[in-house]
């Protein structure tokens, strides 16, 4: 297909911070953007050329949206697959609905990866809460139980480490919406660190790979990302190779984030794949020549992919929940911006609630260790 040039209208399903950052990148390149998100307070609506704060099942909105846009992408993997497949009859949708169908269901994703020979944690499928006990016992009482679909940032996940915890989780599963619910039970792995790799793939199969990063979580939510990760060149090459081959196996077009566990002995396991820009890639806005969001625009429009040169080591810290109130005070903002290399990004979300990502700060430095130290000191200041 011919590249889609500036002045065209690009559609994005979902208007949260990822949709807003995609919209900003597209506007900078001269495109117009139509945002479709049922939440009228979604940040991307305030940037959009045209805004659709309506249900994804509204046929009138579908007609208007599909007639307006030249290509469509999405900001997270829980948009309706059927909608993506329907839109694909009118214009390119990247990544495709078929990719989304695999990624959206954790069970199908793990089966796909396993079936293509990729290393993944041991897992079992539970389709009835009564099956949970046997699945847990098979792994020796050290597992994570997750909903097969939906759930993110630690939601819809339960750790089970002792026999007495099985009944509590089983009760939680029974309380969920009945009928067709499935869960995946994964063996916990003892890892040295959590890594991730951004892979950008064009319609012609060309790829760009960002540096391997290390991720640190709190309560299931990403708290800090450090780039480049403090791993050997061999581990970095292995992680990049796994990530590229996984995206190629999916025949994915767009931006993908492949999350991995780095085990002792320099073994790697693929945890999950996100078919979109990722929180762990936000550093690219400040530290790279081309950000993950501009790459999303380029891949969507069939343009040449950008270089992925890391101009500065960096550490990114998420502002979660009430963290943002400290930063938006005059003293807090001044203290933060007095730190060398600090770049503040606030998402413009009106409602603050625990666990909600409200913004992030990227710390740039001459070395990853110094960037990490600055980020660590900043994190400590948030809890004082």
Protein backbone atom coordinates (compact mmCIF):
# COMPACT_ATOMS: atom_id res chain seq x y z
CA UNK A 1 0.00 0.00 0.00
CA UNK A 2 1.02 3.60 -0.54
CA UNK A 3 2.17 5.47 2.58
CA UNK A 4 -0.50 7.57 4.27
CA UNK A 5 0.75 11.14 4.24
CA UNK A 6 0.18 14.08 6.60
CA UNK A 7 -3.25 15.74 6.64
CA UNK A 8 -4.92 12.33 6.76
CA UNK A 9 -7.04 11.46 9.78
CA UNK A 10 -5.69 8.64 11.93
CA UNK A 11 -8.01 6.81 14.29
CA UNK A 12 -7.07 5.59 17.74
CA UNK A 13 -9.23 3.37 19.91
CA UNK A 14 -8.72 4.36 23.52
CA UNK A 15 -7.95 7.81 24.84
CA UNK A 16 -5.83 7.31 27.95
CA UNK A 17 -2.24 8.51 28.31
CA UNK A 18 -0.98 6.18 25.56
CA UNK A 19 -3.65 7.44 23.18
CA UNK A 20 -2.80 11.02 24.13
CA UNK A 21 0.91 10.51 23.49
CA UNK A 22 0.17 8.86 20.14
CA UNK A 23 -2.07 11.80 19.27
CA UNK A 24 0.65 14.31 20.16
CA UNK A 25 3.17 12.47 17.97
CA UNK A 26 0.72 12.31 15.06
CA UNK A 27 -0.19 16.00 15.33
CA UNK A 28 3.49 16.95 15.33
CA UNK A 29 3.91 15.04 12.05
CA UNK A 30 0.98 16.89 10.49
CA UNK A 31 -1.79 14.32 10.86
CA UNK A 32 -5.22 14.82 12.33
CA UNK A 33 -6.45 12.32 14.91
CA UNK A 34 -9.89 10.94 15.73
CA UNK A 35 -10.06 9.49 19.25
CA UNK A 36 -12.77 6.98 20.13
CA UNK A 37 -13.05 6.28 23.85
CA UNK A 38 -16.29 5.88 25.83
CA UNK A 39 -14.81 7.88 28.73
CA UNK A 40 -15.47 11.59 28.08
CA UNK A 41 -12.67 12.49 30.53
CA UNK A 42 -10.02 10.47 28.69
CA UNK A 43 -6.97 12.76 28.19
CA UNK A 44 -6.66 12.17 24.43
CA UNK A 45 -10.10 13.69 23.79
CA UNK A 46 -8.66 17.10 24.68
CA UNK A 47 -5.99 16.78 21.98
CA UNK A 48 -8.07 15.13 19.27
CA UNK A 49 -9.04 16.73 15.99
CA UNK A 50 -12.32 14.85 16.38
CA UNK A 51 -13.56 13.14 19.51
CA UNK A 52 -15.99 10.25 19.93
CA UNK A 53 -16.80 9.80 23.66
CA UNK A 54 -19.27 7.01 22.91
CA UNK A 55 -19.71 3.27 23.37
CA UNK A 56 -17.62 1.02 21.15
CA UNK A 57 -20.86 -0.76 20.20
CA UNK A 58 -22.66 2.34 18.86
CA UNK A 59 -23.37 1.69 15.14
CA UNK A 60 -23.88 5.37 14.34
CA UNK A 61 -20.48 6.24 15.77
CA UNK A 62 -18.92 3.32 13.91
CA UNK A 63 -20.17 4.66 10.60
CA UNK A 64 -18.94 8.18 11.30
CA UNK A 65 -15.55 7.01 12.58
CA UNK A 66 -14.90 4.49 9.81
CA UNK A 67 -15.77 7.01 7.08
CA UNK A 68 -13.46 9.61 8.62
CA UNK A 69 -10.20 7.73 9.24
CA UNK A 70 -7.52 6.50 6.85
CA UNK A 71 -5.97 4.01 9.31
CA UNK A 72 -6.63 2.84 12.86
CA UNK A 73 -4.55 1.75 15.84
CA UNK A 74 -5.32 1.23 19.53
CA UNK A 75 -3.76 2.22 22.82
CA UNK A 76 -4.35 -0.97 24.77
CA UNK A 77 -5.15 -4.60 24.07
CA UNK A 78 -8.61 -4.73 25.63
CA UNK A 79 -10.47 -2.91 22.88
CA UNK A 80 -13.06 -5.12 21.13
CA UNK A 81 -11.49 -7.49 18.62
CA UNK A 82 -14.72 -7.56 16.60
CA UNK A 83 -14.57 -3.77 16.20
CA UNK A 84 -10.98 -3.94 14.92
CA UNK A 85 -11.89 -6.67 12.44
CA UNK A 86 -14.89 -4.69 11.24
CA UNK A 87 -12.83 -1.51 10.81
CA UNK A 88 -10.24 -3.47 8.83
CA UNK A 89 -12.81 -3.85 6.05
CA UNK A 90 -12.69 -0.07 5.59
CA UNK A 91 -9.02 0.80 6.25
CA UNK A 92 -5.74 -0.61 7.62
CA UNK A 93 -5.84 -1.55 11.31
CA UNK A 94 -2.39 -2.02 12.84
CA UNK A 95 -1.76 -4.24 14.71
CA UNK A 96 -4.45 -6.43 13.17
CA UNK A 97 -7.47 -7.95 14.85
CA UNK A 98 -5.95 -11.41 14.42
CA UNK A 99 -2.89 -10.33 16.41
CA UNK A 100 -5.12 -8.76 19.03
CA UNK A 101 -7.17 -11.95 19.29
CA UNK A 102 -4.04 -13.91 20.25
CA UNK A 103 -2.58 -11.29 22.60
CA UNK A 104 -5.82 -10.33 24.34
CA UNK A 105 -6.27 -13.76 25.94
CA UNK A 106 -3.37 -14.75 28.20
CA UNK A 107 -4.06 -18.42 27.65
CA UNK A 108 -4.09 -18.12 23.87
CA UNK A 109 -0.95 -15.97 24.01
CA UNK A 110 0.94 -18.50 26.13
CA UNK A 111 -0.21 -21.37 23.90
CA UNK A 112 0.88 -19.43 20.82
CA UNK A 113 4.32 -18.72 22.24
CA UNK A 114 4.77 -22.27 23.51
CA UNK A 115 3.59 -23.69 20.18
CA UNK A 116 6.19 -21.62 18.34
CA UNK A 117 8.99 -22.83 20.57
CA UNK A 118 9.44 -19.75 22.75
CA UNK A 119 10.40 -20.25 26.41
CA UNK A 120 7.58 -19.35 28.80
CA UNK A 121 6.85 -20.14 32.46
CA UNK A 122 5.02 -23.39 33.16
CA UNK A 123 1.28 -22.80 33.10
CA UNK A 124 -2.07 -24.52 33.47
CA UNK A 125 -5.60 -23.53 32.39
CA UNK A 126 -8.46 -23.33 34.89
CA UNK A 127 -12.00 -23.10 33.54
CA UNK A 128 -13.77 -23.81 36.84
CA UNK A 129 -12.76 -22.55 40.31
CA UNK A 130 -13.00 -26.14 41.53
CA UNK A 131 -9.96 -26.95 39.37
CA UNK A 132 -7.77 -24.39 41.09
CA UNK A 133 -6.54 -26.58 43.95
CA UNK A 134 -5.25 -29.33 41.65
CA UNK A 135 -3.56 -26.79 39.37
CA UNK A 136 -1.80 -25.15 42.32
CA UNK A 137 -0.69 -28.43 43.86
CA UNK A 138 0.84 -29.51 40.55
CA UNK A 139 3.16 -26.48 40.75
CA UNK A 140 3.97 -26.81 44.44
CA UNK A 141 2.08 -23.87 45.95
CA UNK A 142 4.09 -21.10 44.35
CA UNK A 143 1.95 -19.71 41.55
CA UNK A 144 0.25 -16.66 40.10
CA UNK A 145 -3.39 -17.02 39.08
CA UNK A 146 -4.54 -14.49 36.48
CA UNK A 147 -7.73 -13.78 34.60
CA UNK A 148 -7.38 -14.94 31.00
CA UNK A 149 -8.63 -11.62 29.70
CA UNK A 150 -8.61 -8.03 30.97
CA UNK A 151 -6.78 -7.16 34.17
CA UNK A 152 -3.63 -5.04 34.24
CA UNK A 153 -1.31 -3.36 36.75
CA UNK A 154 -1.81 -6.22 39.19
CA UNK A 155 -5.61 -6.31 38.83
CA UNK A 156 -7.16 -9.73 38.28
CA UNK A 157 -4.10 -11.48 39.71
CA UNK A 158 -3.60 -13.52 42.87
CA UNK A 159 -0.38 -14.94 44.30
CA UNK A 160 -0.67 -18.30 46.03
CA UNK A 161 2.25 -19.43 48.16
CA UNK A 162 0.55 -21.47 50.91
CA UNK A 163 -2.22 -24.11 50.92
CA UNK A 164 -4.54 -21.93 53.01
CA UNK A 165 -4.55 -19.24 50.31
CA UNK A 166 -6.22 -21.52 47.76
CA UNK A 167 -9.68 -21.20 49.32
CA UNK A 168 -9.43 -17.40 49.39
CA UNK A 169 -8.56 -17.20 45.70
CA UNK A 170 -11.15 -19.81 44.80
CA UNK A 171 -13.76 -17.66 46.51
CA UNK A 172 -12.58 -14.63 44.53
CA UNK A 173 -12.89 -16.58 41.28
CA UNK A 174 -16.41 -17.69 42.13
CA UNK A 175 -17.37 -14.07 42.79
CA UNK A 176 -16.41 -13.07 39.25
CA UNK A 177 -18.86 -12.92 36.40
CA UNK A 178 -20.05 -16.51 35.82
CA UNK A 179 -20.20 -18.27 32.50
CA UNK A 180 -17.18 -18.85 30.29
CA UNK A 181 -14.62 -17.34 32.65
CA UNK A 182 -11.12 -18.84 32.44
CA UNK A 183 -7.94 -18.31 34.37
CA UNK A 184 -4.29 -19.11 33.81
CA UNK A 185 -2.16 -20.49 36.65
CA UNK A 186 1.55 -19.87 36.15
CA UNK A 187 4.45 -21.23 38.13
CA UNK A 188 6.35 -18.46 39.90
CA UNK A 189 9.90 -18.22 38.66
CA UNK A 190 12.89 -17.02 40.64
CA UNK A 191 14.29 -14.30 38.43
CA UNK A 192 17.25 -11.97 38.69
CA UNK A 193 15.37 -9.08 37.10
CA UNK A 194 12.46 -8.25 34.84
CA UNK A 195 13.36 -7.01 31.37
CA UNK A 196 11.46 -5.68 28.40
CA UNK A 197 12.21 -4.90 24.77
CA UNK A 198 10.35 -2.59 22.39
CA UNK A 199 10.13 -3.95 18.85
CA UNK A 200 8.75 -1.93 15.94
CA UNK A 201 7.74 -3.86 12.83
CA UNK A 202 6.61 -2.43 9.52
CA UNK A 203 4.18 -3.90 7.00
CA UNK A 204 7.11 -5.10 4.89
CA UNK A 205 8.69 -6.98 7.79
CA UNK A 206 11.38 -4.39 8.58
CA UNK A 207 12.15 -4.09 12.30
CA UNK A 208 13.68 -1.67 14.76
CA UNK A 209 14.66 -2.78 18.26
CA UNK A 210 15.08 -0.47 21.24
CA UNK A 211 17.63 -1.16 23.99
CA UNK A 212 16.82 -3.79 26.61
CA UNK A 213 15.50 -2.17 29.80
CA UNK A 214 15.11 -3.32 33.40
CA UNK A 215 11.73 -2.91 35.09
CA UNK A 216 10.98 -2.72 38.82
CA UNK A 217 7.44 -3.14 40.10
CA UNK A 218 5.51 -2.30 43.26
CA UNK A 219 2.23 -4.11 43.99
CA UNK A 220 2.06 -5.32 40.40
CA UNK A 221 2.49 -1.81 38.93
CA UNK A 222 5.59 -0.69 37.08
CA UNK A 223 7.43 1.80 39.30
CA UNK A 224 10.78 2.31 37.59
CA UNK A 225 12.43 1.51 34.27
CA UNK A 226 16.21 1.74 33.78
CA UNK A 227 17.82 1.93 30.34
CA UNK A 228 20.05 0.33 29.34
CA UNK A 229 19.58 -2.69 31.57
CA UNK A 230 22.62 -3.83 33.54
CA UNK A 231 22.96 -7.15 31.72
CA UNK A 232 25.71 -8.71 29.64
CA UNK A 233 25.87 -8.18 25.90
CA UNK A 234 24.95 -11.84 25.50
CA UNK A 235 21.76 -11.49 27.53
CA UNK A 236 20.88 -8.29 25.70
CA UNK A 237 21.33 -9.97 22.32
CA UNK A 238 19.31 -13.00 23.44
CA UNK A 239 16.46 -10.80 24.73
CA UNK A 240 16.38 -8.75 21.52
CA UNK A 241 16.41 -11.88 19.38
CA UNK A 242 13.55 -13.49 21.32
CA UNK A 243 11.50 -10.31 21.13
CA UNK A 244 12.03 -9.89 17.37
CA UNK A 245 11.22 -13.50 16.60
CA UNK A 246 8.06 -13.40 18.74
CA UNK A 247 6.73 -10.33 16.94
CA UNK A 248 7.64 -11.86 13.59
CA UNK A 249 5.80 -15.07 14.51
CA UNK A 250 2.71 -12.98 15.22
CA UNK A 251 3.17 -11.21 11.88
CA UNK A 252 2.62 -8.06 13.89
CA UNK A 253 2.77 -4.56 12.43
CA UNK A 254 3.24 -1.69 14.84
CA UNK A 255 4.93 -1.24 18.22
CA UNK A 256 5.22 -4.22 20.56
CA UNK A 257 6.68 -4.63 24.02
CA UNK A 258 7.98 -8.06 24.95
CA UNK A 259 8.34 -8.57 28.71
CA UNK A 260 10.84 -11.17 29.92
CA UNK A 261 12.15 -12.79 33.08
CA UNK A 262 15.95 -12.95 33.38
CA UNK A 263 16.78 -16.11 35.36
CA UNK A 264 19.99 -17.34 36.92
CA UNK A 265 22.35 -18.80 34.39
CA UNK A 266 21.27 -16.09 31.95
CA UNK A 267 18.14 -17.94 30.88
CA UNK A 268 15.21 -15.88 29.61
CA UNK A 269 11.49 -16.57 29.65
CA UNK A 270 8.86 -14.52 27.85
CA UNK A 271 6.25 -13.27 30.30
CA UNK A 272 3.81 -11.30 28.13
CA UNK A 273 3.61 -9.29 24.92
CA UNK A 274 1.81 -5.95 24.63
CA UNK A 275 0.74 -5.06 21.05
CA UNK A 276 1.19 -1.32 21.58
CA UNK A 277 3.54 1.26 23.08
CA UNK A 278 4.31 0.40 26.67
CA UNK A 279 4.84 2.15 29.97
CA UNK A 280 8.41 0.82 30.07
CA UNK A 281 9.12 2.63 26.79
CA UNK A 282 8.19 6.12 27.97
CA UNK A 283 11.88 6.94 28.38
CA UNK A 284 12.04 7.06 24.56
CA UNK A 285 10.18 10.40 24.59
CA UNK A 286 13.21 12.10 26.15
CA UNK A 287 16.16 9.76 25.62
CA UNK A 288 15.84 8.54 22.02
CA UNK A 289 15.96 10.13 18.59
CA UNK A 290 12.51 8.71 17.74
CA UNK A 291 9.97 7.86 20.46
CA UNK A 292 7.84 4.73 20.56
CA UNK A 293 4.79 6.89 19.79
CA UNK A 294 6.26 8.38 16.63
CA UNK A 295 7.18 4.83 15.61
CA UNK A 296 3.54 3.86 16.13
CA UNK A 297 2.52 6.63 13.71
CA UNK A 298 5.17 5.62 11.18
CA UNK A 299 4.26 1.92 11.26
CA UNK A 300 0.54 2.69 11.03
CA UNK A 301 1.02 4.95 8.01
CA UNK A 302 3.51 2.75 6.14
CA UNK A 303 6.30 5.29 6.53
CA UNK A 304 9.99 4.40 7.01
CA UNK A 305 10.65 3.37 10.59
CA UNK A 306 12.81 5.70 12.66
CA UNK A 307 16.19 5.00 14.19
CA UNK A 308 16.20 3.89 17.82
CA UNK A 309 19.40 5.54 18.98
CA UNK A 310 19.62 6.01 22.74
CA UNK A 311 20.98 9.53 23.21
CA UNK A 312 21.25 9.27 27.01
CA UNK A 313 20.98 6.62 29.71
CA UNK A 314 17.78 7.14 31.64
CA UNK A 315 15.52 6.01 34.46
CA UNK A 316 11.76 6.51 34.33
CA UNK A 317 9.57 6.70 37.46
CA UNK A 318 5.80 6.37 37.36
CA UNK A 319 3.72 8.85 39.36
CA UNK A 320 1.02 6.66 40.87
CA UNK A 321 -2.12 7.84 42.63
CA UNK A 322 -1.53 10.60 45.15
CA UNK A 323 2.14 10.97 44.13
CA UNK A 324 0.89 13.55 41.67
CA UNK A 325 -0.42 15.83 44.42
CA UNK A 326 3.08 16.30 45.79
CA UNK A 327 4.42 17.07 42.32
CA UNK A 328 1.68 19.55 41.43
CA UNK A 329 2.31 21.60 44.55
CA UNK A 330 4.56 24.57 43.81
CA UNK A 331 7.35 23.33 46.10
CA UNK A 332 7.16 19.77 44.82
CA UNK A 333 7.33 20.82 41.18
CA UNK A 334 10.23 23.19 41.83
CA UNK A 335 12.16 20.55 43.78
CA UNK A 336 11.70 18.01 41.00
CA UNK A 337 12.67 20.32 38.17
CA UNK A 338 15.78 21.37 40.09
CA UNK A 339 17.13 17.84 39.62
CA UNK A 340 19.52 17.74 36.65
CA UNK A 341 18.09 15.79 33.72
CA UNK A 342 14.54 15.54 35.12
CA UNK A 343 11.71 15.63 32.54
CA UNK A 344 8.15 15.72 33.90
CA UNK A 345 5.13 14.34 32.04
CA UNK A 346 1.65 14.75 33.56
CA UNK A 347 -1.26 12.98 31.89
CA UNK A 348 -4.04 15.43 32.69
CA UNK A 349 -6.26 12.88 34.41
CA UNK A 350 -8.85 14.69 36.51
CA UNK A 351 -9.53 11.96 39.05
CA UNK A 352 -6.82 10.74 41.41
CA UNK A 353 -7.21 7.27 42.84
CA UNK A 354 -4.82 4.71 44.35
CA UNK A 355 -2.95 2.67 41.74
CA UNK A 356 -3.80 5.02 38.87
CA UNK A 357 -0.90 6.19 36.69
CA UNK A 358 -1.04 9.98 36.75
CA UNK A 359 2.25 10.82 35.04
CA UNK A 360 5.91 9.93 34.90
CA UNK A 361 9.33 11.50 35.31
CA UNK A 362 12.35 10.61 33.20
CA UNK A 363 15.81 11.20 34.65
CA UNK A 364 18.61 11.56 32.10
CA UNK A 365 22.27 11.16 33.07
CA UNK A 366 25.66 10.27 31.69
CA UNK A 367 25.38 6.71 33.04
CA UNK A 368 22.46 4.41 33.84
CA UNK A 369 23.62 4.06 37.45
CA UNK A 370 23.47 7.82 38.02
CA UNK A 371 20.05 8.06 36.36
CA UNK A 372 18.86 5.21 38.59
CA UNK A 373 20.27 6.90 41.69
CA UNK A 374 18.48 10.15 40.87
CA UNK A 375 15.26 8.24 40.31
CA UNK A 376 15.73 6.36 43.59
CA UNK A 377 16.27 9.55 45.58
CA UNK A 378 13.17 11.05 43.99
CA UNK A 379 11.11 7.97 44.91
CA UNK A 380 12.22 8.27 48.54
CA UNK A 381 11.17 11.93 48.55
CA UNK A 382 7.63 10.91 47.56
CA UNK A 383 7.12 8.97 50.79
CA UNK A 384 8.68 11.46 53.21
